[in-house]
Amino acid sequence: MAKKPEKSKLDLNPNAGKSGGKGGALKLILIVLVTFVVAAAVGGGAAWYFLVMQADRPSAEQTVVAEPQYLPLEPPLVVNFSGSERIRFAQVGIVVMARSEDVFTGVERHMPVIRNNLMLLLSQKTYDQLVTPEGKEALRAEVLEEIRGVLEQRGAPSNVEAIYFNNLVMQ
């Protein structure tokens, strides 16, 4: 008599002898493959969004406004006032404020013309015009326009934002 083959105690797949076993493995491979493709598409889309789309937006460094920089016009200007019986003079220290080194390069390059024009402007003023806060503010606006005008005439960057008096002595 022939013996029946014994079932192995280690047989983990109870459907191994049946015809449906191959179909289950194929389904499992198909599910894993589809899951992998979907995950790759989502990952690729996220990477594209963060790398390409975010590159178009300005970063915090690009939107930060440059720090103001200051350049004193040295030495201070000393001028005589006009239209006075007494001899009166003024010593004016001026500081230029801008946010670009190109502006300061233009100011330094054209310093003789700027100083000349400012001397002429200041010498036309009277003591009474400059003794009031309004007179000083008006002078500050005129000096700013004069510096910008010289730079524009010479083709230099003229975006001087402000000027300040760091010394103003009148006698």
Foldseek 3Di string as FASTA:
>chain_A
DDDDDDDDPPPPDPCVVPPCPVVVVVVVVVVVVVVVVVVVVVVVVVVCCVPPVVVPDDDPVRPDQADKDKDKLPDWDKAWEPDDPDTKIKTWIKMWIDRDVQLVVLCVVCVVVLNVVLRVVRRDHHPVQCPDPVSVVVNQVVSLVSQLVVCVVVVTDRPTPGMDTPGIDMD
